[in-house]
Protein backbone atom coordinates (compact mmCIF):
# COMPACT_ATOMS: atom_id res chain seq x y z
CA MET A 1 8.62 -0.15 17.98
CA GLY A 2 6.10 -2.86 17.33
CA THR A 3 4.23 -4.35 14.44
CA ARG A 4 1.53 -2.33 12.71
CA ARG A 5 -1.06 -3.04 10.01
CA VAL A 6 -2.76 -0.34 7.95
CA TYR A 7 -5.42 -0.13 5.29
CA PHE A 8 -4.77 2.50 2.61
CA LEU A 9 -6.91 4.02 -0.13
CA ALA A 10 -5.20 6.12 -2.81
CA HIS A 11 -7.20 8.75 -4.72
CA GLY A 12 -6.20 10.58 -7.91
CA ARG A 13 -4.43 9.30 -11.02
CA VAL A 14 -3.37 5.97 -9.53
CA GLN A 15 -4.53 3.41 -12.12
CA GLY A 16 -2.66 2.77 -15.35
CA VAL A 17 0.52 4.33 -13.90
CA PHE A 18 2.08 1.24 -12.22
CA TYR A 19 0.92 2.30 -8.75
CA ARG A 20 0.19 -1.30 -7.68
CA LYS A 21 3.58 -2.53 -8.90
CA PHE A 22 5.29 0.43 -7.20
CA THR A 23 3.45 -0.37 -3.96
CA ALA A 24 4.36 -4.07 -4.08
CA ASN A 25 8.02 -3.35 -4.86
CA ARG A 26 8.35 -0.83 -2.01
CA ALA A 27 6.53 -3.15 0.41
CA GLN A 28 8.85 -6.02 -0.48
CA GLU A 29 11.93 -3.79 -0.09
CA LEU A 30 10.63 -2.83 3.37
CA ASN A 31 9.87 -6.48 4.29
CA LEU A 32 6.14 -5.83 4.65
CA THR A 33 3.30 -8.26 4.05
CA GLY A 34 -0.14 -7.49 2.67
CA TRP A 35 -1.85 -6.78 -0.62
CA VAL A 36 -2.83 -4.08 -3.10
CA ARG A 37 -5.55 -3.93 -5.80
CA ASN A 38 -7.39 -1.59 -8.16
CA ARG A 39 -10.97 -0.67 -7.33
CA SER A 40 -13.76 -0.13 -9.84
CA ASP A 41 -13.98 3.55 -8.80
CA GLU A 42 -10.44 4.26 -10.12
CA LYS A 43 -8.87 4.21 -6.65
CA VAL A 44 -6.26 1.76 -5.36
CA GLU A 45 -6.60 0.06 -1.98
CA GLY A 46 -4.55 -2.31 0.09
CA GLU A 47 -3.20 -3.36 3.44
CA ALA A 48 0.36 -3.49 4.69
CA GLN A 49 1.83 -5.03 7.83
CA GLY A 50 5.25 -5.07 9.43
CA ASP A 51 7.64 -3.06 11.54
CA GLU A 52 6.05 0.30 12.37
CA THR A 53 9.00 2.28 10.96
CA SER A 54 8.69 0.43 7.64
CA VAL A 55 4.92 0.93 7.51
CA VAL A 56 5.38 4.68 8.09
CA GLN A 57 7.96 4.79 5.28
CA LEU A 58 5.59 2.98 2.91
CA ILE A 59 2.83 5.48 3.70
CA LYS A 60 5.20 8.35 2.82
CA ASP A 61 6.12 6.62 -0.44
CA LEU A 62 2.47 5.94 -1.33
CA LYS A 63 1.59 9.62 -0.89
CA LYS A 64 4.03 10.38 -3.70
CA GLY A 65 3.61 7.24 -5.82
CA PRO A 66 5.51 6.34 -8.99
CA THR A 67 6.60 8.90 -11.60
CA HIS A 68 3.35 9.18 -13.59
CA ALA A 69 0.95 8.95 -10.64
CA LEU A 70 -0.80 11.97 -9.18
CA VAL A 71 -1.97 11.08 -5.67
CA SER A 72 -4.53 13.66 -4.56
CA LYS A 73 -5.29 11.97 -1.23
CA LEU A 74 -4.22 8.89 0.73
CA ASP A 75 -6.59 7.61 3.42
CA VAL A 76 -4.90 5.45 6.07
CA GLU A 77 -6.56 3.45 8.86
CA ASP A 78 -5.02 1.11 11.42
CA ARG A 79 -6.22 -2.49 11.24
CA GLU A 80 -5.93 -5.65 13.33
CA LEU A 81 -2.75 -7.68 12.73
CA VAL A 82 -3.03 -10.76 10.51
CA ASP A 83 -1.13 -13.80 11.78
CA GLY A 84 0.67 -16.09 9.35
CA GLU A 85 0.58 -13.77 6.36
CA SER A 86 3.55 -14.09 4.02
CA GLY A 87 4.62 -11.88 1.16
CA PHE A 88 2.95 -8.93 -0.49
CA GLN A 89 0.46 -9.64 -3.27
CA VAL A 90 -0.92 -7.66 -6.18
CA ARG A 91 -4.56 -8.70 -6.40
CA ARG A 92 -7.05 -8.27 -9.20
CA GLY A 93 -9.82 -5.79 -8.38
């Protein structure tokens, strides 16, 4: 399997419940690069890149989210790979 990059947009109760921290921790555990941030419309968005198996696992984890989150929908789109990216960042919205 190759490298994959996805954009994700989480809907539901995903702000104020440590969703960004959860996302960053899981991405780091899976050796993924990318970013995550809150949006002004109470959604959380981000991008993740790495081994396809790890990206698929992250998507599964994001559909559930941390304990107090209630993810009603997770949009996922494939994106172009980003060369030279390192680490996974929590950005300010």
